[in-house]
Amino acid sequence: MAFYSLERITDETIEIMCHKWHKLPLQTHAGDFDYHSKNIKEEVTDNPLDIAEVSMDLEDAFDITFDNALPGDKGLETISEVIAFINEQANA
């Protein structure tokens, strides 16, 4: 099992989301953009296919599973909540 630093999880999660969810700017172009407080379904995307694709990419990247909730669902509404979930699962 690999250990993932919170910085790596944060950077890779945001990068994956930015490539699939075009309402998020790439980090290199973001300036002071606040990724962490963004409510996924209200501010980024409510498209179930987009959410499923990002979920699968995150599962592959960190060898985790979103069993009971996907990003945007209760408890994983914001990007920071998704990052915290991945950190907990990947480093358990």
PDB file of N, CA and C in Angstrom:
ATOM      1  N   MET A   1       0.836  -1.179   0.000  1.00  0.00           N
ATOM      2  CA  MET A   1       0.000   0.000   0.000  1.00  0.00           C
ATOM      3  C   MET A   1       0.885   1.248   0.000  1.00  0.00           C
ATOM      4  N   ALA A   2       0.547   2.177  -0.833  1.00  0.00           N
ATOM      5  CA  ALA A   2       1.311   3.412  -0.949  1.00  0.00           C
ATOM      6  C   ALA A   2       0.762   4.468   0.008  1.00  0.00           C
ATOM      7  N   PHE A   3       1.642   5.346   0.450  1.00  0.00           N
ATOM      8  CA  PHE A   3       1.215   6.500   1.238  1.00  0.00           C
ATOM      9  C   PHE A   3       1.155   7.697   0.307  1.00  0.00           C
ATOM     10  N   TYR A   4       0.066   8.427   0.379  1.00  0.00           N
ATOM     11  CA  TYR A   4      -0.111   9.618  -0.444  1.00  0.00           C
ATOM     12  C   TYR A   4      -0.128  10.837   0.465  1.00  0.00           C
ATOM     13  N   SER A   5       0.722  11.811   0.179  1.00  0.00           N
ATOM     14  CA  SER A   5       0.707  13.042   0.961  1.00  0.00           C
ATOM     15  C   SER A   5      -0.576  13.808   0.639  1.00  0.00           C
ATOM     16  N   LEU A   6      -1.014  14.613   1.579  1.00  0.00           N
ATOM     17  CA  LEU A   6      -2.206  15.428   1.362  1.00  0.00           C
ATOM     18  C   LEU A   6      -1.993  16.383   0.190  1.00  0.00           C
ATOM     19  N   GLU A   7      -0.787  16.892   0.045  1.00  0.00           N
ATOM     20  CA  GLU A   7      -0.491  17.794  -1.075  1.00  0.00           C
ATOM     21  C   GLU A   7      -0.660  17.063  -2.412  1.00  0.00           C
ATOM     22  N   ARG A   8      -0.156  15.848  -2.488  1.00  0.00           N
ATOM     23  CA  ARG A   8      -0.290  15.082  -3.735  1.00  0.00           C
ATOM     24  C   ARG A   8      -1.749  14.765  -4.028  1.00  0.00           C
ATOM     25  N   ILE A   9      -2.480  14.352  -2.999  1.00  0.00           N
ATOM     26  CA  ILE A   9      -3.907  14.045  -3.174  1.00  0.00           C
ATOM     27  C   ILE A   9      -4.646  15.280  -3.656  1.00  0.00           C
ATOM     28  N   THR A  10      -4.372  16.408  -3.025  1.00  0.00           N
ATOM     29  CA  THR A  10      -5.031  17.659  -3.398  1.00  0.00           C
ATOM     30  C   THR A  10      -4.730  18.019  -4.847  1.00  0.00           C
ATOM     31  N   ASP A  11      -3.460  18.018  -5.201  1.00  0.00           N
ATOM     32  CA  ASP A  11      -3.058  18.408  -6.556  1.00  0.00           C
ATOM     33  C   ASP A  11      -3.640  17.469  -7.610  1.00  0.00           C
ATOM     34  N   GLU A  12      -3.539  16.158  -7.389  1.00  0.00           N
ATOM     35  CA  GLU A  12      -4.024  15.202  -8.381  1.00  0.00           C
ATOM     36  C   GLU A  12      -5.549  15.213  -8.481  1.00  0.00           C
ATOM     37  N   THR A  13      -6.224  15.361  -7.348  1.00  0.00           N
ATOM     38  CA  THR A  13      -7.687  15.405  -7.360  1.00  0.00           C
ATOM     39  C   THR A  13      -8.169  16.618  -8.150  1.00  0.00           C
ATOM     40  N   ILE A  14      -7.601  17.761  -7.869  1.00  0.00           N
ATOM     41  CA  ILE A  14      -8.001  18.981  -8.577  1.00  0.00           C
ATOM     42  C   ILE A  14      -7.660  18.864 -10.059  1.00  0.00           C
ATOM     43  N   GLU A  15      -6.503  18.308 -10.380  1.00  0.00           N
ATOM     44  CA  GLU A  15      -6.130  18.135 -11.788  1.00  0.00           C
ATOM     45  C   GLU A  15      -7.124  17.236 -12.528  1.00  0.00           C
ATOM     46  N   ILE A  16      -7.490  16.119 -11.919  1.00  0.00           N
ATOM     47  CA  ILE A  16      -8.468  15.202 -12.537  1.00  0.00           C
ATOM     48  C   ILE A  16      -9.802  15.911 -12.726  1.00  0.00           C
ATOM     49  N   MET A  17     -10.261  16.614 -11.706  1.00  0.00           N
ATOM     50  CA  MET A  17     -11.539  17.322 -11.798  1.00  0.00           C
ATOM     51  C   MET A  17     -11.508  18.396 -12.880  1.00  0.00           C
ATOM     52  N   CYS A  18     -10.414  19.128 -12.963  1.00  0.00           N
ATOM     53  CA  CYS A  18     -10.300  20.210 -13.956  1.00  0.00           C
ATOM     54  C   CYS A  18     -10.337  19.675 -15.385  1.00  0.00           C
ATOM     55  N   HIS A  19      -9.758  18.509 -15.607  1.00  0.00           N
ATOM     56  CA  HIS A  19      -9.741  17.947 -16.958  1.00  0.00           C
ATOM     57  C   HIS A  19     -11.113  17.442 -17.387  1.00  0.00           C
ATOM     58  N   LYS A  20     -11.951  17.059 -16.436  1.00  0.00           N
ATOM     59  CA  LYS A  20     -13.284  16.538 -16.770  1.00  0.00           C
ATOM     60  C   LYS A  20     -14.372  17.602 -16.612  1.00  0.00           C
ATOM     61  N   TRP A  21     -14.224  18.448 -15.617  1.00  0.00           N
ATOM     62  CA  TRP A  21     -15.243  19.449 -15.323  1.00  0.00           C
ATOM     63  C   TRP A  21     -14.718  20.809 -15.769  1.00  0.00           C
ATOM     64  N   HIS A  22     -15.151  21.269 -16.892  1.00  0.00           N
ATOM     65  CA  HIS A  22     -14.582  22.447 -17.522  1.00  0.00           C
ATOM     66  C   HIS A  22     -14.948  23.777 -16.846  1.00  0.00           C
ATOM     67  N   LYS A  23     -15.795  23.734 -15.827  1.00  0.00           N
ATOM     68  CA  LYS A  23     -16.074  24.959 -15.075  1.00  0.00           C
ATOM     69  C   LYS A  23     -14.952  25.270 -14.087  1.00  0.00           C
ATOM     70  N   LEU A  24     -14.048  24.320 -13.898  1.00  0.00           N
ATOM     71  CA  LEU A  24     -12.903  24.535 -13.012  1.00  0.00           C
ATOM     72  C   LEU A  24     -11.680  24.881 -13.862  1.00  0.00           C
ATOM     73  N   PRO A  25     -11.007  25.986 -13.547  1.00  0.00           N
ATOM     74  CA  PRO A  25      -9.792  26.314 -14.306  1.00  0.00           C
ATOM     75  C   PRO A  25      -8.637  25.408 -13.892  1.00  0.00           C
ATOM     76  N   LEU A  26      -7.736  25.138 -14.819  1.00  0.00           N
ATOM     77  CA  LEU A  26      -6.534  24.396 -14.472  1.00  0.00           C
ATOM     78  C   LEU A  26      -5.758  25.180 -13.433  1.00  0.00           C
ATOM     79  N   GLN A  27      -5.076  24.471 -12.553  1.00  0.00           N
ATOM     80  CA  GLN A  27      -4.359  25.144 -11.469  1.00  0.00           C
ATOM     81  C   GLN A  27      -3.339  26.152 -11.987  1.00  0.00           C
ATOM     82  N   THR A  28      -2.743  25.888 -13.116  1.00  0.00           N
ATOM     83  CA  THR A  28      -1.745  26.811 -13.659  1.00  0.00           C
ATOM     84  C   THR A  28      -2.364  28.119 -14.129  1.00  0.00           C
ATOM     85  N   HIS A  29      -3.686  28.135 -14.334  1.00  0.00           N
ATOM     86  CA  HIS A  29      -4.384  29.330 -14.791  1.00  0.00           C
ATOM     87  C   HIS A  29      -5.348  29.891 -13.739  1.00  0.00           C
ATOM     88  N   ALA A  30      -5.319  29.351 -12.550  1.00  0.00           N
ATOM     89  CA  ALA A  30      -6.353  29.640 -11.565  1.00  0.00           C
ATOM     90  C   ALA A  30      -6.147  30.916 -10.769  1.00  0.00           C
ATOM     91  N   GLY A  31      -4.930  31.343 -10.605  1.00  0.00           N
ATOM     92  CA  GLY A  31      -4.705  32.503  -9.753  1.00  0.00           C
ATOM     93  C   GLY A  31      -5.134  32.213  -8.333  1.00  0.00           C
ATOM     94  N   ASP A  32      -6.059  33.003  -7.807  1.00  0.00           N
ATOM     95  CA  ASP A  32      -6.544  32.827  -6.438  1.00  0.00           C
ATOM     96  C   ASP A  32      -7.850  32.036  -6.376  1.00  0.00           C
ATOM     97  N   PHE A  33      -8.145  31.264  -7.388  1.00  0.00           N
ATOM     98  CA  PHE A  33      -9.389  30.497  -7.434  1.00  0.00           C
ATOM     99  C   PHE A  33      -9.459  29.543  -6.239  1.00  0.00           C
ATOM    100  N   ASP A  34     -10.597  29.537  -5.554  1.00  0.00           N
ATOM    101  CA  ASP A  34     -10.794  28.688  -4.374  1.00  0.00           C
ATOM    102  C   ASP A  34     -11.492  27.387  -4.771  1.00  0.00           C
ATOM    103  N   TYR A  35     -10.716  26.354  -4.991  1.00  0.00           N
ATOM    104  CA  TYR A  35     -11.278  25.051  -5.338  1.00  0.00           C
ATOM    105  C   TYR A  35     -12.009  24.416  -4.163  1.00  0.00           C
ATOM    106  N   HIS A  36     -11.452  24.568  -2.982  1.00  0.00           N
ATOM    107  CA  HIS A  36     -11.876  23.779  -1.831  1.00  0.00           C
ATOM    108  C   HIS A  36     -13.317  24.005  -1.394  1.00  0.00           C
ATOM    109  N   SER A  37     -13.817  25.194  -1.530  1.00  0.00           N
ATOM    110  CA  SER A  37     -15.176  25.464  -1.052  1.00  0.00           C
ATOM    111  C   SER A  37     -16.237  25.240  -2.124  1.00  0.00           C
ATOM    112  N   LYS A  38     -15.830  24.899  -3.320  1.00  0.00           N
ATOM    113  CA  LYS A  38     -16.802  24.725  -4.411  1.00  0.00           C
ATOM    114  C   LYS A  38     -17.734  23.562  -4.123  1.00  0.00           C
ATOM    115  N   ASN A  39     -19.033  23.831  -4.171  1.00  0.00           N
ATOM    116  CA  ASN A  39     -20.043  22.792  -4.028  1.00  0.00           C
ATOM    117  C   ASN A  39     -20.186  22.129  -5.392  1.00  0.00           C
ATOM    118  N   ILE A  40     -19.888  20.848  -5.459  1.00  0.00           N
ATOM    119  CA  ILE A  40     -19.778  20.155  -6.738  1.00  0.00           C
ATOM    120  C   ILE A  40     -21.067  20.226  -7.547  1.00  0.00           C
ATOM    121  N   LYS A  41     -22.175  19.806  -6.977  1.00  0.00           N
ATOM    122  CA  LYS A  41     -23.410  19.739  -7.762  1.00  0.00           C
ATOM    123  C   LYS A  41     -24.030  21.111  -8.025  1.00  0.00           C
ATOM    124  N   GLU A  42     -23.793  22.074  -7.140  1.00  0.00           N
ATOM    125  CA  GLU A  42     -24.387  23.395  -7.326  1.00  0.00           C
ATOM    126  C   GLU A  42     -23.517  24.328  -8.162  1.00  0.00           C
ATOM    127  N   GLU A  43     -22.190  24.190  -8.045  1.00  0.00           N
ATOM    128  CA  GLU A  43     -21.300  25.154  -8.689  1.00  0.00           C
ATOM    129  C   GLU A  43     -20.451  24.585  -9.824  1.00  0.00           C
ATOM    130  N   VAL A  44     -20.332  23.269  -9.887  1.00  0.00           N
ATOM    131  CA  VAL A  44     -19.422  22.691 -10.868  1.00  0.00           C
ATOM    132  C   VAL A  44     -20.164  21.870 -11.912  1.00  0.00           C
ATOM    133  N   THR A  45     -20.826  20.793 -11.492  1.00  0.00           N
ATOM    134  CA  THR A  45     -21.599  19.978 -12.433  1.00  0.00           C
ATOM    135  C   THR A  45     -22.628  19.153 -11.681  1.00  0.00           C
ATOM    136  N   ASP A  46     -23.789  19.032 -12.285  1.00  0.00           N
ATOM    137  CA  ASP A  46     -24.804  18.124 -11.735  1.00  0.00           C
ATOM    138  C   ASP A  46     -25.055  16.974 -12.710  1.00  0.00           C
ATOM    139  N   ASN A  47     -24.170  16.836 -13.705  1.00  0.00           N
ATOM    140  CA  ASN A  47     -24.287  15.779 -14.691  1.00  0.00           C
ATOM    141  C   ASN A  47     -23.770  14.469 -14.096  1.00  0.00           C
ATOM    142  N   PRO A  48     -24.651  13.467 -13.928  1.00  0.00           N
ATOM    143  CA  PRO A  48     -24.241  12.204 -13.308  1.00  0.00           C
ATOM    144  C   PRO A  48     -23.110  11.497 -14.052  1.00  0.00           C
ATOM    145  N   LEU A  49     -23.068  11.619 -15.371  1.00  0.00           N
ATOM    146  CA  LEU A  49     -22.003  10.986 -16.148  1.00  0.00           C
ATOM    147  C   LEU A  49     -20.648  11.645 -15.852  1.00  0.00           C
ATOM    148  N   ASP A  50     -20.623  12.960 -15.774  1.00  0.00           N
ATOM    149  CA  ASP A  50     -19.391  13.669 -15.423  1.00  0.00           C
ATOM    150  C   ASP A  50     -18.889  13.252 -14.048  1.00  0.00           C
ATOM    151  N   ILE A  51     -19.801  13.152 -13.111  1.00  0.00           N
ATOM    152  CA  ILE A  51     -19.439  12.766 -11.743  1.00  0.00           C
ATOM    153  C   ILE A  51     -18.934  11.328 -11.715  1.00  0.00           C
ATOM    154  N   ALA A  52     -19.587  10.434 -12.428  1.00  0.00           N
ATOM    155  CA  ALA A  52     -19.160   9.030 -12.476  1.00  0.00           C
ATOM    156  C   ALA A  52     -17.775   8.896 -13.094  1.00  0.00           C
ATOM    157  N   GLU A  53     -17.505   9.642 -14.170  1.00  0.00           N
ATOM    158  CA  GLU A  53     -16.189   9.581 -14.817  1.00  0.00           C
ATOM    159  C   GLU A  53     -15.085  10.058 -13.883  1.00  0.00           C
ATOM    160  N   VAL A  54     -15.315  11.158 -13.191  1.00  0.00           N
ATOM    161  CA  VAL A  54     -14.318  11.662 -12.245  1.00  0.00           C
ATOM    162  C   VAL A  54     -14.138  10.673 -11.099  1.00  0.00           C
ATOM    163  N   SER A  55     -15.222  10.086 -10.632  1.00  0.00           N
ATOM    164  CA  SER A  55     -15.131   9.109  -9.551  1.00  0.00           C
ATOM    165  C   SER A  55     -14.255   7.932  -9.953  1.00  0.00           C
ATOM    166  N   MET A  56     -14.458   7.417 -11.145  1.00  0.00           N
ATOM    167  CA  MET A  56     -13.646   6.293 -11.630  1.00  0.00           C
ATOM    168  C   MET A  56     -12.185   6.686 -11.771  1.00  0.00           C
ATOM    169  N   ASP A  57     -11.933   7.882 -12.276  1.00  0.00           N
ATOM    170  CA  ASP A  57     -10.548   8.347 -12.412  1.00  0.00           C
ATOM    171  C   ASP A  57      -9.873   8.492 -11.048  1.00  0.00           C
ATOM    172  N   LEU A  58     -10.605   9.011 -10.065  1.00  0.00           N
ATOM    173  CA  LEU A  58     -10.052   9.146  -8.718  1.00  0.00           C
ATOM    174  C   LEU A  58      -9.814   7.782  -8.076  1.00  0.00           C
ATOM    175  N   GLU A  59     -10.738   6.851  -8.289  1.00  0.00           N
ATOM    176  CA  GLU A  59     -10.554   5.488  -7.771  1.00  0.00           C
ATOM    177  C   GLU A  59      -9.295   4.857  -8.344  1.00  0.00           C
ATOM    178  N   ASP A  60      -9.086   5.016  -9.634  1.00  0.00           N
ATOM    179  CA  ASP A  60      -7.892   4.468 -10.286  1.00  0.00           C
ATOM    180  C   ASP A  60      -6.616   5.143  -9.790  1.00  0.00           C
ATOM    181  N   ALA A  61      -6.662   6.448  -9.639  1.00  0.00           N
ATOM    182  CA  ALA A  61      -5.474   7.204  -9.256  1.00  0.00           C
ATOM    183  C   ALA A  61      -5.007   6.875  -7.843  1.00  0.00           C
ATOM    184  N   PHE A  62      -5.956   6.611  -6.934  1.00  0.00           N
ATOM    185  CA  PHE A  62      -5.595   6.437  -5.526  1.00  0.00           C
ATOM    186  C   PHE A  62      -5.931   5.059  -4.961  1.00  0.00           C
ATOM    187  N   ASP A  63      -6.356   4.151  -5.815  1.00  0.00           N
ATOM    188  CA  ASP A  63      -6.695   2.789  -5.399  1.00  0.00           C
ATOM    189  C   ASP A  63      -7.699   2.793  -4.237  1.00  0.00           C
ATOM    190  N   ILE A  64      -8.782   3.524  -4.445  1.00  0.00           N
ATOM    191  CA  ILE A  64      -9.856   3.628  -3.457  1.00  0.00           C
ATOM    192  C   ILE A  64     -11.165   3.280  -4.144  1.00  0.00           C
ATOM    193  N   THR A  65     -12.254   3.237  -3.371  1.00  0.00           N
ATOM    194  CA  THR A  65     -13.584   3.082  -3.953  1.00  0.00           C
ATOM    195  C   THR A  65     -14.544   4.040  -3.271  1.00  0.00           C
ATOM    196  N   PHE A  66     -15.442   4.562  -4.066  1.00  0.00           N
ATOM    197  CA  PHE A  66     -16.551   5.359  -3.548  1.00  0.00           C
ATOM    198  C   PHE A  66     -17.720   4.393  -3.406  1.00  0.00           C
ATOM    199  N   ASP A  67     -17.841   3.753  -2.253  1.00  0.00           N
ATOM    200  CA  ASP A  67     -18.854   2.717  -2.076  1.00  0.00           C
ATOM    201  C   ASP A  67     -20.269   3.275  -1.978  1.00  0.00           C
ATOM    202  N   ASN A  68     -20.493   4.137  -1.016  1.00  0.00           N
ATOM    203  CA  ASN A  68     -21.854   4.573  -0.707  1.00  0.00           C
ATOM    204  C   ASN A  68     -22.215   5.949  -1.230  1.00  0.00           C
ATOM    205  N   ALA A  69     -21.224   6.734  -1.604  1.00  0.00           N
ATOM    206  CA  ALA A  69     -21.486   8.097  -2.070  1.00  0.00           C
ATOM    207  C   ALA A  69     -20.436   8.492  -3.087  1.00  0.00           C
ATOM    208  N   LEU A  70     -20.868   9.225  -4.084  1.00  0.00           N
ATOM    209  CA  LEU A  70     -19.969   9.766  -5.102  1.00  0.00           C
ATOM    210  C   LEU A  70     -19.723  11.240  -4.808  1.00  0.00           C
ATOM    211  N   PRO A  71     -18.675  11.809  -5.394  1.00  0.00           N
ATOM    212  CA  PRO A  71     -18.488  13.249  -5.235  1.00  0.00           C
ATOM    213  C   PRO A  71     -19.779  14.000  -5.594  1.00  0.00           C
ATOM    214  N   GLY A  72     -20.137  14.932  -4.726  1.00  0.00           N
ATOM    215  CA  GLY A  72     -21.369  15.693  -4.905  1.00  0.00           C
ATOM    216  C   GLY A  72     -22.493  15.200  -4.027  1.00  0.00           C
ATOM    217  N   ASP A  73     -22.413  13.949  -3.579  1.00  0.00           N
ATOM    218  CA  ASP A  73     -23.444  13.396  -2.696  1.00  0.00           C
ATOM    219  C   ASP A  73     -23.232  13.889  -1.268  1.00  0.00           C
ATOM    220  N   LYS A  74     -24.196  13.624  -0.407  1.00  0.00           N
ATOM    221  CA  LYS A  74     -24.136  14.050   0.997  1.00  0.00           C
ATOM    222  C   LYS A  74     -22.830  13.576   1.637  1.00  0.00           C
ATOM    223  N   GLY A  75     -22.148  14.505   2.272  1.00  0.00           N
ATOM    224  CA  GLY A  75     -20.869  14.220   2.906  1.00  0.00           C
ATOM    225  C   GLY A  75     -19.678  14.433   1.985  1.00  0.00           C
ATOM    226  N   LEU A  76     -19.938  14.506   0.698  1.00  0.00           N
ATOM    227  CA  LEU A  76     -18.888  14.749  -0.292  1.00  0.00           C
ATOM    228  C   LEU A  76     -19.310  15.880  -1.229  1.00  0.00           C
ATOM    229  N   GLU A  77     -19.986  16.861  -0.658  1.00  0.00           N
ATOM    230  CA  GLU A  77     -20.536  17.947  -1.466  1.00  0.00           C
ATOM    231  C   GLU A  77     -19.472  18.882  -2.022  1.00  0.00           C
ATOM    232  N   THR A  78     -18.419  19.122  -1.269  1.00  0.00           N
ATOM    233  CA  THR A  78     -17.400  20.073  -1.715  1.00  0.00           C
ATOM    234  C   THR A  78     -16.129  19.339  -2.137  1.00  0.00           C
ATOM    235  N   ILE A  79     -15.311  20.043  -2.876  1.00  0.00           N
ATOM    236  CA  ILE A  79     -14.048  19.457  -3.313  1.00  0.00           C
ATOM    237  C   ILE A  79     -13.167  19.128  -2.109  1.00  0.00           C
ATOM    238  N   SER A  80     -13.173  19.970  -1.093  1.00  0.00           N
ATOM    239  CA  SER A  80     -12.351  19.687   0.093  1.00  0.00           C
ATOM    240  C   SER A  80     -12.841  18.434   0.816  1.00  0.00           C
ATOM    241  N   GLU A  81     -14.130  18.188   0.822  1.00  0.00           N
ATOM    242  CA  GLU A  81     -14.650  16.957   1.438  1.00  0.00           C
ATOM    243  C   GLU A  81     -14.223  15.726   0.640  1.00  0.00           C
ATOM    244  N   VAL A  82     -14.180  15.832  -0.664  1.00  0.00           N
ATOM    245  CA  VAL A  82     -13.714  14.726  -1.510  1.00  0.00           C
ATOM    246  C   VAL A  82     -12.234  14.467  -1.234  1.00  0.00           C
ATOM    247  N   ILE A  83     -11.446  15.516  -1.136  1.00  0.00           N
ATOM    248  CA  ILE A  83     -10.017  15.370  -0.853  1.00  0.00           C
ATOM    249  C   ILE A  83      -9.808  14.703   0.502  1.00  0.00           C
ATOM    250  N   ALA A  84     -10.551  15.125   1.508  1.00  0.00           N
ATOM    251  CA  ALA A  84     -10.438  14.516   2.840  1.00  0.00           C
ATOM    252  C   ALA A  84     -10.825  13.039   2.799  1.00  0.00           C
ATOM    253  N   PHE A  85     -11.879  12.701   2.057  1.00  0.00           N
ATOM    254  CA  PHE A  85     -12.305  11.304   1.920  1.00  0.00           C
ATOM    255  C   PHE A  85     -11.195  10.473   1.268  1.00  0.00           C
ATOM    256  N   ILE A  86     -10.638  10.989   0.186  1.00  0.00           N
ATOM    257  CA  ILE A  86      -9.563  10.260  -0.513  1.00  0.00           C
ATOM    258  C   ILE A  86      -8.366  10.077   0.411  1.00  0.00           C
ATOM    259  N   ASN A  87      -7.993  11.125   1.134  1.00  0.00           N
ATOM    260  CA  ASN A  87      -6.867  11.037   2.062  1.00  0.00           C
ATOM    261  C   ASN A  87      -7.103   9.951   3.110  1.00  0.00           C
ATOM    262  N   GLU A  88      -8.305   9.921   3.641  1.00  0.00           N
ATOM    263  CA  GLU A  88      -8.651   8.915   4.652  1.00  0.00           C
ATOM    264  C   GLU A  88      -8.617   7.501   4.068  1.00  0.00           C
ATOM    265  N   GLN A  89      -9.223   7.318   2.908  1.00  0.00           N
ATOM    266  CA  GLN A  89      -9.295   5.999   2.285  1.00  0.00           C
ATOM    267  C   GLN A  89      -7.931   5.519   1.782  1.00  0.00           C
ATOM    268  N   ALA A  90      -7.194   6.396   1.133  1.00  0.00           N
ATOM    269  CA  ALA A  90      -5.924   6.001   0.528  1.00  0.00           C
ATOM    270  C   ALA A  90      -4.847   5.710   1.562  1.00  0.00           C
ATOM    271  N   ASN A  91      -4.946   6.338   2.710  1.00  0.00           N
ATOM    272  CA  ASN A  91      -3.905   6.177   3.735  1.00  0.00           C
ATOM    273  C   ASN A  91      -4.390   5.395   4.940  1.00  0.00           C
ATOM    274  N   ALA A  92      -5.475   4.647   4.772  1.00  0.00           N
ATOM    275  CA  ALA A  92      -6.016   3.859   5.897  1.00  0.00           C
ATOM    276  C   ALA A  92      -5.140   2.646   6.171  1.00  0.00           C
TER     277      ALA A  92
END
